[in-house]
PDB file of all heavy atoms in Angstrom:
ATOM      1  N   GLU A   1     117.169 115.173  94.242  1.00  0.00           N
ATOM      2  CA  GLU A   1     115.776 115.423  94.606  1.00  0.00           C
ATOM      3  C   GLU A   1     114.872 114.230  94.305  1.00  0.00           C
ATOM      4  O   GLU A   1     114.066 113.819  95.152  1.00  0.00           O
ATOM      5  CB  GLU A   1     115.251 116.665  93.873  1.00  0.00           C
ATOM      6  CG  GLU A   1     113.848 117.066  94.299  1.00  0.00           C
ATOM      7  CD  GLU A   1     113.431 118.404  93.712  1.00  0.00           C
ATOM      8  OE1 GLU A   1     114.218 119.354  93.793  1.00  0.00           O
ATOM      9  OE2 GLU A   1     112.314 118.478  93.168  1.00  0.00           O
ATOM     10  N   ALA A   2     114.998 113.654  93.116  1.00  0.00           N
ATOM     11  CA  ALA A   2     114.147 112.521  92.738  1.00  0.00           C
ATOM     12  C   ALA A   2     114.423 111.309  93.624  1.00  0.00           C
ATOM     13  O   ALA A   2     113.492 110.596  94.039  1.00  0.00           O
ATOM     14  CB  ALA A   2     114.375 112.166  91.269  1.00  0.00           C
ATOM     15  N   GLU A   3     115.697 111.069  93.926  1.00  0.00           N
ATOM     16  CA  GLU A   3     116.060 109.940  94.783  1.00  0.00           C
ATOM     17  C   GLU A   3     115.562 110.151  96.206  1.00  0.00           C
ATOM     18  O   GLU A   3     115.141 109.206  96.880  1.00  0.00           O
ATOM     19  CB  GLU A   3     117.581 109.767  94.776  1.00  0.00           C
ATOM     20  CG  GLU A   3     118.132 109.325  93.429  1.00  0.00           C
ATOM     21  CD  GLU A   3     119.630 109.556  93.295  1.00  0.00           C
ATOM     22  OE1 GLU A   3     120.219 110.228  94.174  1.00  0.00           O
ATOM     23  OE2 GLU A   3     120.203 109.080  92.302  1.00  0.00           O
ATOM     24  N   CYS A   4     115.586 111.394  96.652  1.00  0.00           N
ATOM     25  CA  CYS A   4     115.102 111.717  97.994  1.00  0.00           C
ATOM     26  C   CYS A   4     113.596 111.489  98.096  1.00  0.00           C
ATOM     27  O   CYS A   4     113.092 110.986  99.104  1.00  0.00           O
ATOM     28  CB  CYS A   4     115.444 113.163  98.320  1.00  0.00           C
ATOM     29  SG  CYS A   4     115.519 113.526 100.077  1.00  0.00           S
ATOM     30  N   VAL A   5     112.870 111.843  97.043  1.00  0.00           N
ATOM     31  CA  VAL A   5     111.420 111.598  96.997  1.00  0.00           C
ATOM     32  C   VAL A   5     111.156 110.096  97.068  1.00  0.00           C
ATOM     33  O   VAL A   5     110.271 109.634  97.808  1.00  0.00           O
ATOM     34  CB  VAL A   5     110.798 112.192  95.719  1.00  0.00           C
ATOM     35  CG1 VAL A   5     109.356 111.709  95.534  1.00  0.00           C
ATOM     36  CG2 VAL A   5     110.837 113.719  95.768  1.00  0.00           C
ATOM     37  N   SER A   6     111.934 109.317  96.326  1.00  0.00           N
ATOM     38  CA  SER A   6     111.783 107.865  96.348  1.00  0.00           C
ATOM     39  C   SER A   6     112.075 107.299  97.733  1.00  0.00           C
ATOM     40  O   SER A   6     111.336 106.427  98.233  1.00  0.00           O
ATOM     41  CB  SER A   6     112.718 107.234  95.309  1.00  0.00           C
ATOM     42  OG  SER A   6     112.660 105.830  95.352  1.00  0.00           O
ATOM     43  N   ALA A   7     113.129 107.785  98.366  1.00  0.00           N
ATOM     44  CA  ALA A   7     113.500 107.293  99.700  1.00  0.00           C
ATOM     45  C   ALA A   7     112.416 107.605 100.719  1.00  0.00           C
ATOM     46  O   ALA A   7     112.052 106.756 101.552  1.00  0.00           O
ATOM     47  CB  ALA A   7     114.821 107.931 100.126  1.00  0.00           C
ATOM     48  N   LEU A   8     111.875 108.831 100.670  1.00  0.00           N
ATOM     49  CA  LEU A   8     110.837 109.222 101.625  1.00  0.00           C
ATOM     50  C   LEU A   8     109.543 108.461 101.351  1.00  0.00           C
ATOM     51  O   LEU A   8     108.801 108.127 102.288  1.00  0.00           O
ATOM     52  CB  LEU A   8     110.606 110.729 101.549  1.00  0.00           C
ATOM     53  CG  LEU A   8     110.083 111.404 102.828  1.00  0.00           C
ATOM     54  CD1 LEU A   8     111.034 111.175 103.986  1.00  0.00           C
ATOM     55  CD2 LEU A   8     109.872 112.892 102.607  1.00  0.00           C
ATOM     56  N   SER A   9     109.272 108.155 100.102  1.00  0.00           N
ATOM     57  CA  SER A   9     108.088 107.365  99.743  1.00  0.00           C
ATOM     58  C   SER A   9     108.174 105.968 100.348  1.00  0.00           C
ATOM     59  O   SER A   9     107.182 105.426 100.849  1.00  0.00           O
ATOM     60  CB  SER A   9     107.949 107.265  98.220  1.00  0.00           C
ATOM     61  OG  SER A   9     107.717 108.528  97.641  1.00  0.00           O
ATOM     62  N   LYS A  10     109.369 105.382 100.308  1.00  0.00           N
ATOM     63  CA  LYS A  10     109.573 104.053 100.889  1.00  0.00           C
ATOM     64  C   LYS A  10     109.343 104.092 102.395  1.00  0.00           C
ATOM     65  O   LYS A  10     108.729 103.180 102.965  1.00  0.00           O
ATOM     66  CB  LYS A  10     110.985 103.558 100.583  1.00  0.00           C
ATOM     67  CG  LYS A  10     111.238 103.219  99.124  1.00  0.00           C
ATOM     68  CD  LYS A  10     112.687 102.809  98.896  1.00  0.00           C
ATOM     69  CE  LYS A  10     112.961 102.506  97.437  1.00  0.00           C
ATOM     70  NZ  LYS A  10     114.379 102.140  97.195  1.00  0.00           N
ATOM     71  N   ARG A  11     109.830 105.144 103.028  1.00  0.00           N
ATOM     72  CA  ARG A  11     109.639 105.283 104.478  1.00  0.00           C
ATOM     73  C   ARG A  11     108.162 105.427 104.827  1.00  0.00           C
ATOM     74  O   ARG A  11     107.674 104.814 105.782  1.00  0.00           O
ATOM     75  CB  ARG A  11     110.402 106.504 104.972  1.00  0.00           C
ATOM     76  CG  ARG A  11     111.902 106.389 104.876  1.00  0.00           C
ATOM     77  CD  ARG A  11     112.463 105.616 106.041  1.00  0.00           C
ATOM     78  NE  ARG A  11     113.900 105.740 106.101  1.00  0.00           N
ATOM     79  CZ  ARG A  11     114.617 105.582 107.212  1.00  0.00           C
ATOM     80  NH1 ARG A  11     114.019 105.295 108.335  1.00  0.00           N
ATOM     81  NH2 ARG A  11     115.929 105.682 107.181  1.00  0.00           N
ATOM     82  N   ALA A  12     107.459 106.271 104.073  1.00  0.00           N
ATOM     83  CA  ALA A  12     106.040 106.487 104.334  1.00  0.00           C
ATOM     84  C   ALA A  12     105.247 105.197 104.128  1.00  0.00           C
ATOM     85  O   ALA A  12     104.363 104.864 104.928  1.00  0.00           O
ATOM     86  CB  ALA A  12     105.507 107.588 103.417  1.00  0.00           C
ATOM     87  N   LYS A  13     105.568 104.467 103.075  1.00  0.00           N
ATOM     88  CA  LYS A  13     104.892 103.198 102.802  1.00  0.00           C
ATOM     89  C   LYS A  13     105.142 102.205 103.915  1.00  0.00           C
ATOM     90  O   LYS A  13     104.229 101.479 104.335  1.00  0.00           O
ATOM     91  CB  LYS A  13     105.379 102.636 101.467  1.00  0.00           C
ATOM     92  CG  LYS A  13     104.696 101.340 101.066  1.00  0.00           C
ATOM     93  CD  LYS A  13     105.206 100.852  99.714  1.00  0.00           C
ATOM     94  CE  LYS A  13     104.523  99.544  99.318  1.00  0.00           C
ATOM     95  NZ  LYS A  13     105.027  99.051  97.999  1.00  0.00           N
ATOM     96  N   ASN A  14     106.355 102.168 104.418  1.00  0.00           N
ATOM     97  CA  ASN A  14     106.707 101.255 105.501  1.00  0.00           C
ATOM     98  C   ASN A  14     105.902 101.540 106.771  1.00  0.00           C
ATOM     99  O   ASN A  14     105.580 100.636 107.534  1.00  0.00           O
ATOM    100  CB  ASN A  14     108.204 101.374 105.803  1.00  0.00           C
ATOM    101  CG  ASN A  14     108.643 100.521 106.974  1.00  0.00           C
ATOM    102  OD1 ASN A  14     108.569  99.305 106.922  1.00  0.00           O
ATOM    103  ND2 ASN A  14     109.095 101.162 108.039  1.00  0.00           N
ATOM    104  N   ARG A  15     105.550 102.821 106.961  1.00  0.00           N
ATOM    105  CA  ARG A  15     104.777 103.222 108.140  1.00  0.00           C
ATOM    106  C   ARG A  15     103.267 103.171 107.885  1.00  0.00           C
ATOM    107  O   ARG A  15     102.486 103.530 108.756  1.00  0.00           O
ATOM    108  CB  ARG A  15     105.139 104.657 108.544  1.00  0.00           C
ATOM    109  CG  ARG A  15     106.565 104.857 108.990  1.00  0.00           C
ATOM    110  CD  ARG A  15     106.760 106.295 109.399  1.00  0.00           C
ATOM    111  NE  ARG A  15     108.133 106.581 109.794  1.00  0.00           N
ATOM    112  CZ  ARG A  15     108.451 107.518 110.676  1.00  0.00           C
ATOM    113  NH1 ARG A  15     107.508 108.242 111.234  1.00  0.00           N
ATOM    114  NH2 ARG A  15     109.719 107.737 110.976  1.00  0.00           N
ATOM    115  N   TYR A  16     102.893 102.758 106.693  1.00  0.00           N
ATOM    116  CA  TYR A  16     101.484 102.798 106.279  1.00  0.00           C
ATOM    117  C   TYR A  16     100.929 104.218 106.395  1.00  0.00           C
ATOM    118  O   TYR A  16      99.785 104.449 106.776  1.00  0.00           O
ATOM    119  CB  TYR A  16     100.638 101.823 107.117  1.00  0.00           C
ATOM    120  CG  TYR A  16     101.114 100.394 107.014  1.00  0.00           C
ATOM    121  CD1 TYR A  16     101.911  99.830 108.013  1.00  0.00           C
ATOM    122  CD2 TYR A  16     100.781  99.615 105.904  1.00  0.00           C
ATOM    123  CE1 TYR A  16     102.367  98.526 107.909  1.00  0.00           C
ATOM    124  CE2 TYR A  16     101.240  98.304 105.795  1.00  0.00           C
ATOM    125  CZ  TYR A  16     102.028  97.768 106.797  1.00  0.00           C
ATOM    126  OH  TYR A  16     102.483  96.474 106.698  1.00  0.00           O
ATOM    127  N   LEU A  17     101.778 105.173 106.052  1.00  0.00           N
ATOM    128  CA  LEU A  17     101.414 106.579 106.127  1.00  0.00           C
ATOM    129  C   LEU A  17     100.897 107.038 104.767  1.00  0.00           C
ATOM    130  O   LEU A  17     101.575 106.884 103.755  1.00  0.00           O
ATOM    131  CB  LEU A  17     102.637 107.401 106.532  1.00  0.00           C
ATOM    132  CG  LEU A  17     102.448 108.881 106.870  1.00  0.00           C
ATOM    133  CD1 LEU A  17     101.479 109.055 108.021  1.00  0.00           C
ATOM    134  CD2 LEU A  17     103.794 109.509 107.210  1.00  0.00           C
ATOM    135  N   ASN A  18      99.701 107.564 104.752  1.00  0.00           N
ATOM    136  CA  ASN A  18      99.060 107.985 103.498  1.00  0.00           C
ATOM    137  C   ASN A  18      99.617 109.339 103.063  1.00  0.00           C
ATOM    138  O   ASN A  18      99.035 110.388 103.281  1.00  0.00           O
ATOM    139  CB  ASN A  18      97.543 108.063 103.674  1.00  0.00           C
ATOM    140  CG  ASN A  18      96.828 108.366 102.369  1.00  0.00           C
ATOM    141  OD1 ASN A  18      97.384 108.183 101.284  1.00  0.00           O
ATOM    142  ND2 ASN A  18      95.594 108.844 102.472  1.00  0.00           N
ATOM    143  N   LEU A  19     100.764 109.279 102.405  1.00  0.00           N
ATOM    144  CA  LEU A  19     101.453 110.491 101.966  1.00  0.00           C
ATOM    145  C   LEU A  19     101.775 110.321 100.488  1.00  0.00           C
ATOM    146  O   LEU A  19     102.633 109.519 100.119  1.00  0.00           O
ATOM    147  CB  LEU A  19     102.738 110.662 102.779  1.00  0.00           C
ATOM    148  CG  LEU A  19     103.472 112.004 102.716  1.00  0.00           C
ATOM    149  CD1 LEU A  19     102.603 113.122 103.242  1.00  0.00           C
ATOM    150  CD2 LEU A  19     104.775 111.922 103.504  1.00  0.00           C
ATOM    151  N   ASN A  20     101.056 111.050  99.628  1.00  0.00           N
ATOM    152  CA  ASN A  20     101.252 110.849  98.185  1.00  0.00           C
ATOM    153  C   ASN A  20     102.545 111.517  97.705  1.00  0.00           C
ATOM    154  O   ASN A  20     103.146 112.334  98.395  1.00  0.00           O
ATOM    155  CB  ASN A  20     100.040 111.345  97.392  1.00  0.00           C
ATOM    156  CG  ASN A  20      99.808 112.840  97.548  1.00  0.00           C
ATOM    157  OD1 ASN A  20     100.723 113.636  97.376  1.00  0.00           O
ATOM    158  ND2 ASN A  20      98.576 113.218  97.874  1.00  0.00           N
ATOM    159  N   LYS A  21     102.932 111.147  96.479  1.00  0.00           N
ATOM    160  CA  LYS A  21     104.229 111.612  95.967  1.00  0.00           C
ATOM    161  C   LYS A  21     104.255 113.112  95.723  1.00  0.00           C
ATOM    162  O   LYS A  21     105.316 113.739  95.821  1.00  0.00           O
ATOM    163  CB  LYS A  21     104.596 110.853  94.695  1.00  0.00           C
ATOM    164  CG  LYS A  21     105.065 109.432  94.958  1.00  0.00           C
ATOM    165  CD  LYS A  21     105.834 108.867  93.792  1.00  0.00           C
ATOM    166  CE  LYS A  21     106.461 107.522  94.152  1.00  0.00           C
ATOM    167  NZ  LYS A  21     107.289 106.972  93.054  1.00  0.00           N
ATOM    168  N   ASP A  22     103.118 113.720  95.405  1.00  0.00           N
ATOM    169  CA  ASP A  22     103.083 115.173  95.224  1.00  0.00           C
ATOM    170  C   ASP A  22     103.434 115.887  96.525  1.00  0.00           C
ATOM    171  O   ASP A  22     104.193 116.868  96.536  1.00  0.00           O
ATOM    172  CB  ASP A  22     101.700 115.619  94.730  1.00  0.00           C
ATOM    173  CG  ASP A  22     101.444 115.224  93.291  1.00  0.00           C
ATOM    174  OD1 ASP A  22     102.426 114.971  92.568  1.00  0.00           O
ATOM    175  OD2 ASP A  22     100.265 115.166  92.892  1.00  0.00           O
ATOM    176  N   THR A  23     102.867 115.381  97.634  1.00  0.00           N
ATOM    177  CA  THR A  23     103.149 115.981  98.934  1.00  0.00           C
ATOM    178  C   THR A  23     104.605 115.739  99.337  1.00  0.00           C
ATOM    179  O   THR A  23     105.279 116.637  99.865  1.00  0.00           O
ATOM    180  CB  THR A  23     102.212 115.409 100.016  1.00  0.00           C
ATOM    181  OG1 THR A  23     100.853 115.607  99.612  1.00  0.00           O
ATOM    182  CG2 THR A  23     102.433 116.098 101.350  1.00  0.00           C
ATOM    183  N   ILE A  24     105.106 114.540  99.061  1.00  0.00           N
ATOM    184  CA  ILE A  24     106.501 114.232  99.374  1.00  0.00           C
ATOM    185  C   ILE A  24     107.444 115.114  98.562  1.00  0.00           C
ATOM    186  O   ILE A  24     108.414 115.664  99.082  1.00  0.00           O
ATOM    187  CB  ILE A  24     106.795 112.744  99.115  1.00  0.00           C
ATOM    188  CG1 ILE A  24     106.025 111.875 100.112  1.00  0.00           C
ATOM    189  CG2 ILE A  24     108.292 112.464  99.210  1.00  0.00           C
ATOM    190  CD1 ILE A  24     106.129 110.393  99.858  1.00  0.00           C
ATOM    191  N   ALA A  25     107.132 115.276  97.273  1.00  0.00           N
ATOM    192  CA  ALA A  25     107.959 116.137  96.414  1.00  0.00           C
ATOM    193  C   ALA A  25     107.952 117.575  96.922  1.00  0.00           C
ATOM    194  O   ALA A  25     108.968 118.271  96.883  1.00  0.00           O
ATOM    195  CB  ALA A  25     107.460 116.072  94.978  1.00  0.00           C
ATOM    196  N   PHE A  26     106.797 118.026  97.415  1.00  0.00           N
ATOM    197  CA  PHE A  26     106.691 119.371  97.983  1.00  0.00           C
ATOM    198  C   PHE A  26     107.616 119.516  99.193  1.00  0.00           C
ATOM    199  O   PHE A  26     108.334 120.521  99.334  1.00  0.00           O
ATOM    200  CB  PHE A  26     105.242 119.655  98.390  1.00  0.00           C
ATOM    201  CG  PHE A  26     105.058 120.920  99.188  1.00  0.00           C
ATOM    202  CD1 PHE A  26     104.955 122.142  98.544  1.00  0.00           C
ATOM    203  CD2 PHE A  26     105.012 120.878 100.577  1.00  0.00           C
ATOM    204  CE1 PHE A  26     104.805 123.315  99.281  1.00  0.00           C
ATOM    205  CE2 PHE A  26     104.857 122.044 101.312  1.00  0.00           C
ATOM    206  CZ  PHE A  26     104.756 123.260 100.665  1.00  0.00           C
ATOM    207  N   LEU A  27     107.612 118.509 100.075  1.00  0.00           N
ATOM    208  CA  LEU A  27     108.461 118.552 101.266  1.00  0.00           C
ATOM    209  C   LEU A  27     109.937 118.630 100.883  1.00  0.00           C
ATOM    210  O   LEU A  27     110.689 119.448 101.426  1.00  0.00           O
ATOM    211  CB  LEU A  27     108.221 117.300 102.120  1.00  0.00           C
ATOM    212  CG  LEU A  27     106.893 117.217 102.864  1.00  0.00           C
ATOM    213  CD1 LEU A  27     106.729 115.839 103.487  1.00  0.00           C
ATOM    214  CD2 LEU A  27     106.809 118.297 103.938  1.00  0.00           C
ATOM    215  N   VAL A  28     110.339 117.786  99.953  1.00  0.00           N
ATOM    216  CA  VAL A  28     111.747 117.752  99.548  1.00  0.00           C
ATOM    217  C   VAL A  28     112.157 119.055  98.875  1.00  0.00           C
ATOM    218  O   VAL A  28     113.235 119.600  99.128  1.00  0.00           O
ATOM    219  CB  VAL A  28     111.999 116.554  98.609  1.00  0.00           C
ATOM    220  CG1 VAL A  28     113.416 116.604  98.038  1.00  0.00           C
ATOM    221  CG2 VAL A  28     111.762 115.239  99.348  1.00  0.00           C
ATOM    222  N   ARG A  29     111.272 119.572  98.032  1.00  0.00           N
ATOM    223  CA  ARG A  29     111.592 120.775  97.256  1.00  0.00           C
ATOM    224  C   ARG A  29     111.649 122.023  98.131  1.00  0.00           C
ATOM    225  O   ARG A  29     112.483 122.915  97.905  1.00  0.00           O
ATOM    226  CB  ARG A  29     110.556 120.941  96.152  1.00  0.00           C
ATOM    227  CG  ARG A  29     110.886 122.009  95.123  1.00  0.00           C
ATOM    228  CD  ARG A  29     110.023 121.848  93.886  1.00  0.00           C
ATOM    229  NE  ARG A  29     108.614 121.770  94.180  1.00  0.00           N
ATOM    230  CZ  ARG A  29     107.874 120.666  94.047  1.00  0.00           C
ATOM    231  NH1 ARG A  29     108.436 119.542  93.631  1.00  0.00           N
ATOM    232  NH2 ARG A  29     106.596 120.675  94.334  1.00  0.00           N
ATOM    233  N   HIS A  30     110.764 122.111  99.134  1.00  0.00           N
ATOM    234  CA  HIS A  30     110.662 123.336  99.921  1.00  0.00           C
ATOM    235  C   HIS A  30     111.430 123.292 101.249  1.00  0.00           C
ATOM    236  O   HIS A  30     111.561 124.324 101.905  1.00  0.00           O
ATOM    237  CB  HIS A  30     109.201 123.657 100.213  1.00  0.00           C
ATOM    238  CG  HIS A  30     108.456 124.182  99.028  1.00  0.00           C
ATOM    239  ND1 HIS A  30     107.956 123.340  98.044  1.00  0.00           N
ATOM    240  CD2 HIS A  30     108.154 125.443  98.656  1.00  0.00           C
ATOM    241  CE1 HIS A  30     107.359 124.073  97.115  1.00  0.00           C
ATOM    242  NE2 HIS A  30     107.471 125.343  97.453  1.00  0.00           N
ATOM    243  N   LEU A  31     111.922 122.127 101.612  1.00  0.00           N
ATOM    244  CA  LEU A  31     112.648 122.043 102.873  1.00  0.00           C
ATOM    245  C   LEU A  31     114.121 121.708 102.607  1.00  0.00           C
ATOM    246  O   LEU A  31     114.931 122.568 102.384  1.00  0.00           O
ATOM    247  CB  LEU A  31     111.980 121.030 103.804  1.00  0.00           C
ATOM    248  CG  LEU A  31     110.548 121.462 104.204  1.00  0.00           C
ATOM    249  CD1 LEU A  31     109.819 120.356 104.938  1.00  0.00           C
ATOM    250  CD2 LEU A  31     110.573 122.726 105.052  1.00  0.00           C
ATOM    251  N   ASN A  32     114.476 120.456 102.605  1.00  0.00           N
ATOM    252  CA  ASN A  32     115.864 120.090 102.306  1.00  0.00           C
ATOM    253  C   ASN A  32     115.921 118.624 101.918  1.00  0.00           C
ATOM    254  O   ASN A  32     114.927 117.920 101.986  1.00  0.00           O
ATOM    255  CB  ASN A  32     116.777 120.367 103.512  1.00  0.00           C
ATOM    256  CG  ASN A  32     116.324 119.589 104.740  1.00  0.00           C
ATOM    257  OD1 ASN A  32     116.285 118.371 104.730  1.00  0.00           O
ATOM    258  ND2 ASN A  32     115.982 120.311 105.799  1.00  0.00           N
ATOM    259  N   ARG A  33     117.113 118.169 101.527  1.00  0.00           N
ATOM    260  CA  ARG A  33     117.278 116.770 101.134  1.00  0.00           C
ATOM    261  C   ARG A  33     118.073 115.997 102.180  1.00  0.00           C
ATOM    262  O   ARG A  33     118.656 114.960 101.889  1.00  0.00           O
ATOM    263  CB  ARG A  33     117.959 116.666  99.764  1.00  0.00           C
ATOM    264  CG  ARG A  33     117.163 117.303  98.649  1.00  0.00           C
ATOM    265  CD  ARG A  33     117.550 116.751  97.290  1.00  0.00           C
ATOM    266  NE  ARG A  33     118.956 116.958  96.955  1.00  0.00           N
ATOM    267  CZ  ARG A  33     119.417 118.024  96.317  1.00  0.00           C
ATOM    268  NH1 ARG A  33     118.576 118.997  95.974  1.00  0.00           N
ATOM    269  NH2 ARG A  33     120.696 118.139  96.035  1.00  0.00           N
TER     270      ARG A  33
END
């Protein structure tokens, strides 16, 4: 889960997408990895 949050954070940053880690953690926790 933690690694998935990190991976998605890198993707969002690469896209200049304003997606904070709390929201990313929510996506990973409530959907899938």
